[in-house]
Amino acid sequence: MTGQGFEAFLFDMDGTIVNSIEIAEKAWGDWARRHGLNEAEIIHAMHGVRAVETIARFAPPGIDIEQEEALLTEAEFQAGDRVKPIGGAAAFLSSLPRNRWAVVTSAPHRLAVQRINAAGLPMPDILITAEDVTAGKPAPDCFLMAAQKLGFDASDCLVWEDAPAGIAAGKAAGATVMIVTETHAQPANMPGHSIINYHSLSCQQGDNGRLILHEAHVSA
């Protein structure tokens, strides 16, 4: 992938540019225990997926999905001071032309804004959140929307992701996908290009405006 040009970069948020894994797993673990559900199964399933869809999939019959989603979001919001940036993300994002990148997250808008600010990252001009699409990841809608708002085809974009649902969404949108593994407890067992974090990355804009990625240790 080194030297390959893309029209734009589309970044997932949690696990890709911010590290909020402890916050999210605690909130979902608490939720699972409160409803007598399998905590490990819930935590495995929730990564990269909108909360409303995970709740609808696992919650007991008759539960108020919107109320439960609001409670989960509030629990995560209250722990926002523990959000950290993925290594090198702030410098890398700040180096990019503002009209050539977006953040595409399954988190609600309120939580996304808090986490981007708490991690000390630049706020994107284009921020696609849970409220902006009808079908969340692994559906491609969010990445297609972000690419369209930037004025490009998703097939000309590089999607940055960490979770299986997001990786599937990026591929379904026709984009190339880069997997970020800093928050992975074990090496990602997913085919494709991967990096640990952004520390050794740089990006140049070619004469045609395309973003050209340079990295010493991109693996395939």
Protein backbone atom coordinates (compact mmCIF):
# COMPACT_ATOMS: atom_id res chain seq x y z
CA MET A 1 0.00 0.00 0.00
CA THR A 2 2.99 2.30 0.44
CA GLY A 3 3.01 4.84 -2.38
CA GLN A 4 -0.57 4.13 -3.42
CA GLY A 5 -2.77 7.19 -3.86
CA PHE A 6 -6.30 7.74 -2.53
CA GLU A 7 -8.75 10.60 -2.96
CA ALA A 8 -9.69 10.62 0.73
CA PHE A 9 -9.28 8.83 4.06
CA LEU A 10 -12.33 7.64 6.04
CA PHE A 11 -11.52 6.91 9.69
CA ASP A 12 -13.55 4.90 12.14
CA MET A 13 -13.25 6.38 15.65
CA ASP A 14 -13.16 3.91 18.57
CA GLY A 15 -10.12 1.68 18.34
CA THR A 16 -8.96 3.43 15.18
CA ILE A 17 -8.14 7.02 16.22
CA VAL A 18 -9.20 6.95 19.89
CA ASN A 19 -8.70 4.30 22.56
CA SER A 20 -11.93 3.93 24.54
CA ILE A 21 -11.97 0.15 24.83
CA GLU A 22 -11.94 -0.01 28.64
CA ILE A 23 -14.81 2.47 28.88
CA ALA A 24 -16.94 0.67 26.31
CA GLU A 25 -16.32 -2.82 27.65
CA LYS A 26 -17.15 -1.75 31.22
CA ALA A 27 -20.40 -0.07 30.12
CA TRP A 28 -21.47 -3.08 28.07
CA GLY A 29 -20.40 -5.52 30.76
CA ASP A 30 -22.51 -3.65 33.32
CA TRP A 31 -25.45 -3.67 30.88
CA ALA A 32 -25.14 -7.40 30.23
CA ARG A 33 -25.03 -8.26 33.93
CA ARG A 34 -28.00 -6.00 34.67
CA HIS A 35 -30.10 -8.00 32.21
CA GLY A 36 -28.70 -11.43 33.09
CA LEU A 37 -26.96 -11.83 29.73
CA ASN A 38 -23.65 -13.41 28.76
CA GLU A 39 -21.12 -10.62 29.34
CA ALA A 40 -18.36 -12.09 27.15
CA GLU A 41 -20.76 -12.65 24.25
CA ILE A 42 -22.07 -9.07 24.43
CA ILE A 43 -18.60 -7.51 24.60
CA HIS A 44 -17.43 -9.60 21.64
CA ALA A 45 -20.44 -8.57 19.55
CA MET A 46 -20.65 -4.85 20.32
CA HIS A 47 -17.38 -3.65 18.77
CA GLY A 48 -17.93 -1.41 15.76
CA VAL A 49 -21.72 -1.78 15.82
CA ARG A 50 -24.33 0.81 16.78
CA ALA A 51 -25.61 0.36 20.33
CA VAL A 52 -29.24 0.20 19.23
CA GLU A 53 -28.51 -2.79 17.01
CA THR A 54 -26.59 -4.67 19.69
CA ILE A 55 -29.36 -4.01 22.21
CA ALA A 56 -32.04 -5.15 19.77
CA ARG A 57 -30.07 -8.32 19.07
CA PHE A 58 -29.53 -9.40 22.68
CA ALA A 59 -32.01 -7.63 24.95
CA PRO A 60 -34.90 -9.45 26.65
CA PRO A 61 -38.34 -9.08 24.99
CA GLY A 62 -40.20 -5.88 25.74
CA ILE A 63 -37.17 -3.78 26.59
CA ASP A 64 -37.18 -0.06 25.70
CA ILE A 65 -34.29 0.01 23.21
CA GLU A 66 -34.04 3.80 23.01
CA GLN A 67 -33.97 4.15 26.79
CA GLU A 68 -31.30 1.47 27.14
CA GLU A 69 -29.22 3.11 24.42
CA ALA A 70 -29.48 6.44 26.23
CA LEU A 71 -28.36 4.87 29.52
CA LEU A 72 -25.38 3.20 27.85
CA THR A 73 -24.35 6.40 26.10
CA GLU A 74 -24.56 8.34 29.36
CA ALA A 75 -22.42 5.76 31.16
CA GLU A 76 -19.75 6.04 28.48
CA PHE A 77 -20.04 9.82 28.37
CA GLN A 78 -19.42 10.09 32.11
CA ALA A 79 -16.15 8.21 31.69
CA GLY A 80 -14.93 10.42 28.86
CA ASP A 81 -11.91 11.65 30.81
CA ARG A 82 -10.31 8.22 30.32
CA VAL A 83 -10.28 8.43 26.50
CA LYS A 84 -6.82 8.40 24.93
CA PRO A 85 -5.63 8.88 21.35
CA ILE A 86 -4.29 6.00 19.32
CA GLY A 87 -0.53 6.48 19.03
CA GLY A 88 0.43 9.20 16.55
CA ALA A 89 -3.17 9.86 15.49
CA ALA A 90 -3.22 13.56 16.41
CA ALA A 91 -0.15 14.45 14.37
CA PHE A 92 -1.19 12.30 11.43
CA LEU A 93 -4.74 13.71 11.23
CA SER A 94 -3.44 17.26 11.62
CA SER A 95 -1.14 16.72 8.62
CA LEU A 96 -4.02 15.88 6.27
CA PRO A 97 -5.90 18.38 4.07
CA ARG A 98 -9.18 19.04 5.88
CA ASN A 99 -11.27 18.41 2.77
CA ARG A 100 -9.77 14.96 2.26
CA TRP A 101 -10.76 13.06 5.42
CA ALA A 102 -13.78 12.22 7.54
CA VAL A 103 -14.63 10.30 10.71
CA VAL A 104 -17.26 7.57 10.36
CA THR A 105 -18.37 6.07 13.67
CA SER A 106 -21.13 3.90 15.11
CA ALA A 107 -21.14 6.11 18.22
CA PRO A 108 -23.83 8.75 18.79
CA HIS A 109 -22.87 12.29 17.77
CA ARG A 110 -22.66 13.56 21.35
CA LEU A 111 -20.26 10.81 22.36
CA ALA A 112 -18.18 11.13 19.18
CA VAL A 113 -17.59 14.86 19.68
CA GLN A 114 -16.64 14.32 23.33
CA ARG A 115 -14.17 11.56 22.52
CA ILE A 116 -12.47 13.38 19.65
CA ASN A 117 -12.01 16.43 21.88
CA ALA A 118 -10.93 14.40 24.91
CA ALA A 119 -8.27 12.62 22.84
CA GLY A 120 -6.89 15.94 21.61
CA LEU A 121 -7.63 15.18 17.97
CA PRO A 122 -8.66 17.68 15.29
CA MET A 123 -12.42 17.78 14.73
CA PRO A 124 -13.25 16.68 11.17
CA ASP A 125 -15.37 18.80 8.87
CA ILE A 126 -17.30 15.62 8.00
CA LEU A 127 -18.44 13.50 10.97
CA ILE A 128 -20.84 10.63 10.27
CA THR A 129 -22.38 9.16 13.44
CA ALA A 130 -25.01 6.63 14.51
CA GLU A 131 -27.87 9.05 13.92
CA ASP A 132 -26.95 9.71 10.30
CA VAL A 133 -27.77 6.30 8.81
CA THR A 134 -30.64 3.84 8.96
CA ALA A 135 -28.41 0.76 8.65
CA GLY A 136 -25.21 0.75 10.68
CA LYS A 137 -22.01 -1.20 10.14
CA PRO A 138 -21.49 -3.81 8.69
CA ALA A 139 -23.76 -2.12 6.14
CA PRO A 140 -21.70 0.22 3.92
CA ASP A 141 -24.09 3.19 4.17
CA CYS A 142 -21.97 5.29 6.55
CA PHE A 143 -18.82 5.06 4.45
CA LEU A 144 -20.73 5.71 1.23
CA MET A 145 -22.25 8.81 2.84
CA ALA A 146 -18.89 10.12 4.03
CA ALA A 147 -17.28 9.64 0.62
CA GLN A 148 -20.21 11.36 -1.08
CA LYS A 149 -20.01 14.33 1.29
CA LEU A 150 -16.31 14.67 0.51
CA GLY A 151 -17.12 14.50 -3.20
CA PHE A 152 -15.49 11.17 -4.05
CA ASP A 153 -16.40 7.57 -4.79
CA ALA A 154 -15.82 5.22 -1.87
CA SER A 155 -13.81 3.00 -4.22
CA ASP A 156 -11.22 5.79 -4.39
CA CYS A 157 -10.99 6.06 -0.58
CA LEU A 158 -8.96 4.33 2.12
CA VAL A 159 -11.05 3.22 5.12
CA TRP A 160 -9.24 2.95 8.46
CA GLU A 161 -10.86 0.43 10.82
CA ASP A 162 -10.23 -1.94 13.69
CA ALA A 163 -13.41 -4.02 14.16
CA PRO A 164 -14.81 -6.80 11.95
CA ALA A 165 -18.13 -4.98 11.41
CA GLY A 166 -16.37 -1.84 10.24
CA ILE A 167 -13.92 -3.73 8.06
CA ALA A 168 -16.84 -5.49 6.41
CA ALA A 169 -18.61 -2.15 5.91
CA GLY A 170 -15.57 -0.59 4.28
CA LYS A 171 -15.13 -3.51 1.92
CA ALA A 172 -18.85 -3.53 1.10
CA ALA A 173 -18.53 0.15 0.17
CA GLY A 174 -15.84 -0.80 -2.33
CA ALA A 175 -13.04 0.92 -0.43
CA THR A 176 -9.56 -0.31 0.38
CA VAL A 177 -9.25 -1.01 4.12
CA MET A 178 -6.36 -0.45 6.54
CA ILE A 179 -6.68 -2.26 9.88
CA VAL A 180 -5.39 -0.47 13.01
CA THR A 181 -4.37 -2.95 15.71
CA GLU A 182 -3.11 -0.94 18.72
CA THR A 183 -6.08 -1.90 20.92
CA HIS A 184 -6.12 -5.56 19.83
CA ALA A 185 -5.14 -7.93 22.64
CA GLN A 186 -3.87 -10.36 20.00
CA PRO A 187 -2.73 -9.83 16.40
CA ALA A 188 -5.70 -9.28 14.13
CA ASN A 189 -6.77 -12.50 12.42
CA MET A 190 -8.15 -10.58 9.47
CA PRO A 191 -6.69 -10.51 5.95
CA GLY A 192 -5.56 -7.17 4.61
CA HIS A 193 -3.14 -4.35 5.24
CA SER A 194 -2.53 -3.44 8.87
CA ILE A 195 -0.61 -1.04 11.09
CA ILE A 196 -0.25 -0.87 14.86
CA ASN A 197 -0.68 2.92 15.07
CA TYR A 198 0.24 6.12 13.23
CA HIS A 199 3.69 6.87 14.66
CA SER A 200 5.65 5.91 11.55
CA LEU A 201 3.10 7.11 9.01
CA SER A 202 3.32 10.15 6.78
CA CYS A 203 1.16 11.38 3.93
CA GLN A 204 1.96 13.47 0.91
CA GLN A 205 -0.49 15.02 -1.53
CA GLY A 206 0.42 14.35 -5.13
CA ASP A 207 0.18 16.79 -8.00
CA ASN A 208 -3.26 15.34 -8.79
CA GLY A 209 -4.41 15.91 -5.19
CA ARG A 210 -4.44 12.25 -4.22
CA LEU A 211 -3.19 11.28 -0.76
CA ILE A 212 -0.08 9.13 -0.90
CA LEU A 213 0.65 7.09 2.20
CA HIS A 214 4.20 6.37 3.34
CA GLU A 215 5.00 3.90 6.09
CA ALA A 216 8.05 1.82 6.77
CA HIS A 217 6.35 -1.29 8.13
CA VAL A 218 2.94 -1.76 6.54
CA SER A 219 2.22 -5.49 6.47
CA ALA A 220 -0.12 -7.39 4.18
